[in-house]
């Protein structure tokens, strides 16, 4: 019985270590000041799943204090939407992900001057905690957790990607 309990405690401990959390920016939260180079581990071509379908995400290397990325989501081989993503280093040395969504026909979801923005809270090793979204790289796997909500509820959507060879 002691072995079983020790095993269960060990499993809970290991899962808590690897658990990836979502942080939210509040009035009492301070944003870590960091350099865009701290996210170089995000660079690459990633293929995976999320939202009940298939996803691709591509992040280019940093240039001029920013990184650009593209995301696409498709179900049963049919393109549903894409995103153009931009991680920018702000003048106060904080980082933010700015993105715009586009339908399959390229019609934008956001108004021309509006962006969906996730401000960086902190970076720990190969985990970047943005307000409402977390990126974590484990070897050749990228896990993205995104806080989502509608009028009735709030939930976390998980995207799991594997690095593709070009």
C-alpha atoms as a PDB file:
ATOM      1  CA  UNK A   1       0.000   0.000   0.000  1.00  0.00           C
ATOM      2  CA  UNK A   2       2.858   2.412   0.833  1.00  0.00           C
ATOM      3  CA  UNK A   3       4.373   1.757  -2.609  1.00  0.00           C
ATOM      4  CA  UNK A   4       1.083   2.593  -4.347  1.00  0.00           C
ATOM      5  CA  UNK A   5       0.698   5.824  -2.366  1.00  0.00           C
ATOM      6  CA  UNK A   6       4.343   6.770  -3.027  1.00  0.00           C
ATOM      7  CA  UNK A   7       3.833   6.077  -6.744  1.00  0.00           C
ATOM      8  CA  UNK A   8       0.681   8.238  -6.879  1.00  0.00           C
ATOM      9  CA  UNK A   9       2.404  11.075  -4.966  1.00  0.00           C
ATOM     10  CA  UNK A  10       5.338  10.824  -7.376  1.00  0.00           C
ATOM     11  CA  UNK A  11       3.011  11.012 -10.420  1.00  0.00           C
ATOM     12  CA  UNK A  12       1.190  14.040  -9.009  1.00  0.00           C
ATOM     13  CA  UNK A  13       4.532  15.742  -8.305  1.00  0.00           C
ATOM     14  CA  UNK A  14       5.843  15.052 -11.819  1.00  0.00           C
ATOM     15  CA  UNK A  15       2.619  16.278 -13.468  1.00  0.00           C
ATOM     16  CA  UNK A  16       2.708  19.463 -11.407  1.00  0.00           C
ATOM     17  CA  UNK A  17       6.297  20.119 -12.503  1.00  0.00           C
ATOM     18  CA  UNK A  18       5.349  19.745 -16.160  1.00  0.00           C
ATOM     19  CA  UNK A  19       1.997  21.512 -15.822  1.00  0.00           C
ATOM     20  CA  UNK A  20       1.837  24.564 -17.967  1.00  0.00           C
ATOM     21  CA  UNK A  21      -0.283  27.315 -16.532  1.00  0.00           C
ATOM     22  CA  UNK A  22      -1.991  30.335 -17.991  1.00  0.00           C
ATOM     23  CA  UNK A  23      -1.273  33.659 -16.318  1.00  0.00           C
ATOM     24  CA  UNK A  24      -3.375  36.805 -16.562  1.00  0.00           C
ATOM     25  CA  UNK A  25      -2.072  40.361 -16.400  1.00  0.00           C
ATOM     26  CA  UNK A  26      -3.647  42.253 -13.509  1.00  0.00           C
ATOM     27  CA  UNK A  27      -3.025  45.628 -11.912  1.00  0.00           C
ATOM     28  CA  UNK A  28      -0.664  43.962  -9.421  1.00  0.00           C
ATOM     29  CA  UNK A  29       1.273  41.981 -12.084  1.00  0.00           C
ATOM     30  CA  UNK A  30       4.541  43.347 -13.367  1.00  0.00           C
ATOM     31  CA  UNK A  31       5.683  42.589 -16.873  1.00  0.00           C
ATOM     32  CA  UNK A  32       9.187  41.178 -17.142  1.00  0.00           C
ATOM     33  CA  UNK A  33      11.495  43.330 -19.205  1.00  0.00           C
ATOM     34  CA  UNK A  34      13.409  41.112 -21.603  1.00  0.00           C
ATOM     35  CA  UNK A  35      14.973  40.918 -25.026  1.00  0.00           C
ATOM     36  CA  UNK A  36      13.262  39.318 -28.031  1.00  0.00           C
ATOM     37  CA  UNK A  37      16.253  36.940 -28.308  1.00  0.00           C
ATOM     38  CA  UNK A  38      14.933  35.128 -25.197  1.00  0.00           C
ATOM     39  CA  UNK A  39      12.215  33.666 -27.472  1.00  0.00           C
ATOM     40  CA  UNK A  40      14.577  32.294 -30.152  1.00  0.00           C
ATOM     41  CA  UNK A  41      13.502  28.750 -29.130  1.00  0.00           C
ATOM     42  CA  UNK A  42      10.100  29.487 -30.687  1.00  0.00           C
ATOM     43  CA  UNK A  43      11.596  29.760 -34.188  1.00  0.00           C
ATOM     44  CA  UNK A  44      10.648  26.999 -36.571  1.00  0.00           C
ATOM     45  CA  UNK A  45       7.956  25.263 -38.563  1.00  0.00           C
ATOM     46  CA  UNK A  46       5.442  23.457 -36.326  1.00  0.00           C
ATOM     47  CA  UNK A  47       2.616  21.040 -37.192  1.00  0.00           C
ATOM     48  CA  UNK A  48      -0.004  19.805 -34.752  1.00  0.00           C
ATOM     49  CA  UNK A  49      -3.549  19.796 -33.487  1.00  0.00           C
ATOM     50  CA  UNK A  50      -5.921  22.081 -31.626  1.00  0.00           C
ATOM     51  CA  UNK A  51      -9.517  23.305 -31.704  1.00  0.00           C
ATOM     52  CA  UNK A  52     -10.549  19.836 -32.895  1.00  0.00           C
ATOM     53  CA  UNK A  53      -8.590  20.100 -36.151  1.00  0.00           C
ATOM     54  CA  UNK A  54      -5.125  20.391 -37.630  1.00  0.00           C
ATOM     55  CA  UNK A  55      -2.822  23.394 -37.259  1.00  0.00           C
ATOM     56  CA  UNK A  56       0.424  24.746 -38.654  1.00  0.00           C
ATOM     57  CA  UNK A  57       2.482  27.497 -37.057  1.00  0.00           C
ATOM     58  CA  UNK A  58       5.637  29.079 -38.421  1.00  0.00           C
ATOM     59  CA  UNK A  59       7.867  31.486 -36.460  1.00  0.00           C
ATOM     60  CA  UNK A  60      10.719  33.319 -38.197  1.00  0.00           C
ATOM     61  CA  UNK A  61      13.902  34.436 -36.459  1.00  0.00           C
ATOM     62  CA  UNK A  62      13.952  37.855 -34.817  1.00  0.00           C
ATOM     63  CA  UNK A  63      14.688  40.884 -36.953  1.00  0.00           C
ATOM     64  CA  UNK A  64      14.459  44.564 -35.972  1.00  0.00           C
ATOM     65  CA  UNK A  65      13.233  43.767 -32.409  1.00  0.00           C
ATOM     66  CA  UNK A  66      10.353  41.588 -33.611  1.00  0.00           C
ATOM     67  CA  UNK A  67       9.418  38.067 -34.704  1.00  0.00           C
ATOM     68  CA  UNK A  68       6.783  37.276 -37.309  1.00  0.00           C
ATOM     69  CA  UNK A  69       4.651  34.162 -37.462  1.00  0.00           C
ATOM     70  CA  UNK A  70       1.804  32.585 -39.373  1.00  0.00           C
ATOM     71  CA  UNK A  71      -0.837  30.193 -38.043  1.00  0.00           C
ATOM     72  CA  UNK A  72      -3.418  28.229 -40.011  1.00  0.00           C
ATOM     73  CA  UNK A  73      -6.268  26.040 -38.850  1.00  0.00           C
ATOM     74  CA  UNK A  74      -8.003  23.474 -41.013  1.00  0.00           C
ATOM     75  CA  UNK A  75     -10.618  20.783 -40.442  1.00  0.00           C
ATOM     76  CA  UNK A  76     -10.866  17.706 -42.658  1.00  0.00           C
ATOM     77  CA  UNK A  77      -8.423  19.308 -45.097  1.00  0.00           C
ATOM     78  CA  UNK A  78     -10.479  22.510 -45.434  1.00  0.00           C
ATOM     79  CA  UNK A  79      -8.913  25.821 -44.389  1.00  0.00           C
ATOM     80  CA  UNK A  80     -10.986  27.562 -41.695  1.00  0.00           C
ATOM     81  CA  UNK A  81      -8.850  30.590 -40.760  1.00  0.00           C
ATOM     82  CA  UNK A  82      -5.307  31.968 -40.550  1.00  0.00           C
ATOM     83  CA  UNK A  83      -3.508  34.400 -38.269  1.00  0.00           C
ATOM     84  CA  UNK A  84      -0.662  36.790 -38.886  1.00  0.00           C
ATOM     85  CA  UNK A  85       1.340  37.074 -35.657  1.00  0.00           C
ATOM     86  CA  UNK A  86       3.906  39.610 -34.546  1.00  0.00           C
ATOM     87  CA  UNK A  87       5.946  39.494 -31.322  1.00  0.00           C
ATOM     88  CA  UNK A  88       7.248  42.983 -30.793  1.00  0.00           C
ATOM     89  CA  UNK A  89       9.671  44.424 -28.294  1.00  0.00           C
ATOM     90  CA  UNK A  90       8.055  47.569 -26.912  1.00  0.00           C
ATOM     91  CA  UNK A  91      10.042  50.738 -26.119  1.00  0.00           C
ATOM     92  CA  UNK A  92       9.963  49.871 -22.385  1.00  0.00           C
ATOM     93  CA  UNK A  93      11.674  46.486 -23.116  1.00  0.00           C
ATOM     94  CA  UNK A  94       8.493  44.442 -22.617  1.00  0.00           C
ATOM     95  CA  UNK A  95       7.186  42.048 -25.265  1.00  0.00           C
ATOM     96  CA  UNK A  96       3.719  41.499 -26.701  1.00  0.00           C
ATOM     97  CA  UNK A  97       2.128  39.154 -29.236  1.00  0.00           C
ATOM     98  CA  UNK A  98      -0.073  41.086 -31.656  1.00  0.00           C
ATOM     99  CA  UNK A  99      -2.185  39.078 -34.071  1.00  0.00           C
ATOM    100  CA  UNK A 100      -4.900  39.402 -36.659  1.00  0.00           C
ATOM    101  CA  UNK A 101      -7.300  36.671 -37.767  1.00  0.00           C
ATOM    102  CA  UNK A 102      -8.406  36.099 -41.355  1.00  0.00           C
ATOM    103  CA  UNK A 103     -11.173  33.873 -42.721  1.00  0.00           C
ATOM    104  CA  UNK A 104     -10.334  31.377 -45.472  1.00  0.00           C
ATOM    105  CA  UNK A 105     -11.250  34.047 -48.062  1.00  0.00           C
ATOM    106  CA  UNK A 106      -8.793  36.487 -46.326  1.00  0.00           C
ATOM    107  CA  UNK A 107     -11.523  38.697 -44.905  1.00  0.00           C
ATOM    108  CA  UNK A 108     -10.227  40.107 -41.586  1.00  0.00           C
ATOM    109  CA  UNK A 109     -11.904  39.429 -38.245  1.00  0.00           C
ATOM    110  CA  UNK A 110     -10.509  42.545 -36.553  1.00  0.00           C
ATOM    111  CA  UNK A 111     -10.928  46.100 -37.779  1.00  0.00           C
ATOM    112  CA  UNK A 112      -7.997  47.527 -39.757  1.00  0.00           C
ATOM    113  CA  UNK A 113      -6.401  49.293 -36.769  1.00  0.00           C
ATOM    114  CA  UNK A 114      -7.313  46.655 -34.144  1.00  0.00           C
ATOM    115  CA  UNK A 115      -5.144  43.753 -33.000  1.00  0.00           C
ATOM    116  CA  UNK A 116      -5.640  40.908 -30.554  1.00  0.00           C
ATOM    117  CA  UNK A 117      -2.824  41.519 -28.043  1.00  0.00           C
ATOM    118  CA  UNK A 118      -1.206  39.259 -25.442  1.00  0.00           C
ATOM    119  CA  UNK A 119       1.337  41.064 -23.233  1.00  0.00           C
ATOM    120  CA  UNK A 120       4.310  39.097 -21.930  1.00  0.00           C
ATOM    121  CA  UNK A 121       4.332  38.511 -18.180  1.00  0.00           C
ATOM    122  CA  UNK A 122       7.527  36.456 -17.909  1.00  0.00           C
ATOM    123  CA  UNK A 123       9.886  34.008 -19.608  1.00  0.00           C
ATOM    124  CA  UNK A 124      11.233  30.987 -17.726  1.00  0.00           C
ATOM    125  CA  UNK A 125      13.655  28.823 -19.724  1.00  0.00           C
ATOM    126  CA  UNK A 126      11.627  27.714 -22.765  1.00  0.00           C
ATOM    127  CA  UNK A 127       8.244  28.827 -21.451  1.00  0.00           C
ATOM    128  CA  UNK A 128       6.784  32.249 -22.270  1.00  0.00           C
ATOM    129  CA  UNK A 129       3.794  33.375 -20.200  1.00  0.00           C
ATOM    130  CA  UNK A 130       1.730  35.969 -22.030  1.00  0.00           C
ATOM    131  CA  UNK A 131      -1.468  37.267 -20.479  1.00  0.00           C
ATOM    132  CA  UNK A 132      -3.990  34.599 -21.479  1.00  0.00           C
ATOM    133  CA  UNK A 133      -1.594  32.481 -23.562  1.00  0.00           C
ATOM    134  CA  UNK A 134       1.433  30.329 -22.776  1.00  0.00           C
ATOM    135  CA  UNK A 135       4.050  28.875 -25.130  1.00  0.00           C
ATOM    136  CA  UNK A 136       6.192  25.993 -23.856  1.00  0.00           C
ATOM    137  CA  UNK A 137       8.828  24.102 -25.791  1.00  0.00           C
ATOM    138  CA  UNK A 138       9.848  20.629 -24.640  1.00  0.00           C
ATOM    139  CA  UNK A 139      12.532  19.249 -27.002  1.00  0.00           C
ATOM    140  CA  UNK A 140      10.876  19.144 -30.465  1.00  0.00           C
ATOM    141  CA  UNK A 141       7.369  19.725 -29.117  1.00  0.00           C
ATOM    142  CA  UNK A 142       5.619  23.089 -28.720  1.00  0.00           C
ATOM    143  CA  UNK A 143       2.562  23.310 -26.460  1.00  0.00           C
ATOM    144  CA  UNK A 144       0.405  26.433 -26.616  1.00  0.00           C
ATOM    145  CA  UNK A 145      -2.346  26.996 -24.081  1.00  0.00           C
ATOM    146  CA  UNK A 146      -4.852  29.711 -24.839  1.00  0.00           C
ATOM    147  CA  UNK A 147      -7.499  31.072 -22.482  1.00  0.00           C
ATOM    148  CA  UNK A 148     -10.779  31.374 -24.374  1.00  0.00           C
ATOM    149  CA  UNK A 149     -14.249  32.497 -23.389  1.00  0.00           C
ATOM    150  CA  UNK A 150     -17.725  33.158 -24.624  1.00  0.00           C
ATOM    151  CA  UNK A 151     -20.767  34.646 -22.870  1.00  0.00           C
ATOM    152  CA  UNK A 152     -21.413  31.460 -20.870  1.00  0.00           C
ATOM    153  CA  UNK A 153     -17.989  30.113 -19.889  1.00  0.00           C
ATOM    154  CA  UNK A 154     -14.198  30.319 -19.930  1.00  0.00           C
ATOM    155  CA  UNK A 155     -11.875  27.430 -20.874  1.00  0.00           C
ATOM    156  CA  UNK A 156      -8.309  26.657 -21.932  1.00  0.00           C
ATOM    157  CA  UNK A 157      -7.665  25.401 -25.442  1.00  0.00           C
ATOM    158  CA  UNK A 158      -4.471  23.377 -25.956  1.00  0.00           C
ATOM    159  CA  UNK A 159      -2.461  23.174 -29.169  1.00  0.00           C
ATOM    160  CA  UNK A 160       0.268  20.531 -29.424  1.00  0.00           C
ATOM    161  CA  UNK A 161       2.829  20.911 -32.216  1.00  0.00           C
ATOM    162  CA  UNK A 162       5.822  18.900 -33.364  1.00  0.00           C
ATOM    163  CA  UNK A 163       8.731  20.583 -35.104  1.00  0.00           C
ATOM    164  CA  UNK A 164       8.805  19.877 -38.832  1.00  0.00           C
ATOM    165  CA  UNK A 165      11.939  19.463 -40.858  1.00  0.00           C
ATOM    166  CA  UNK A 166      12.160  21.722 -43.872  1.00  0.00           C
END
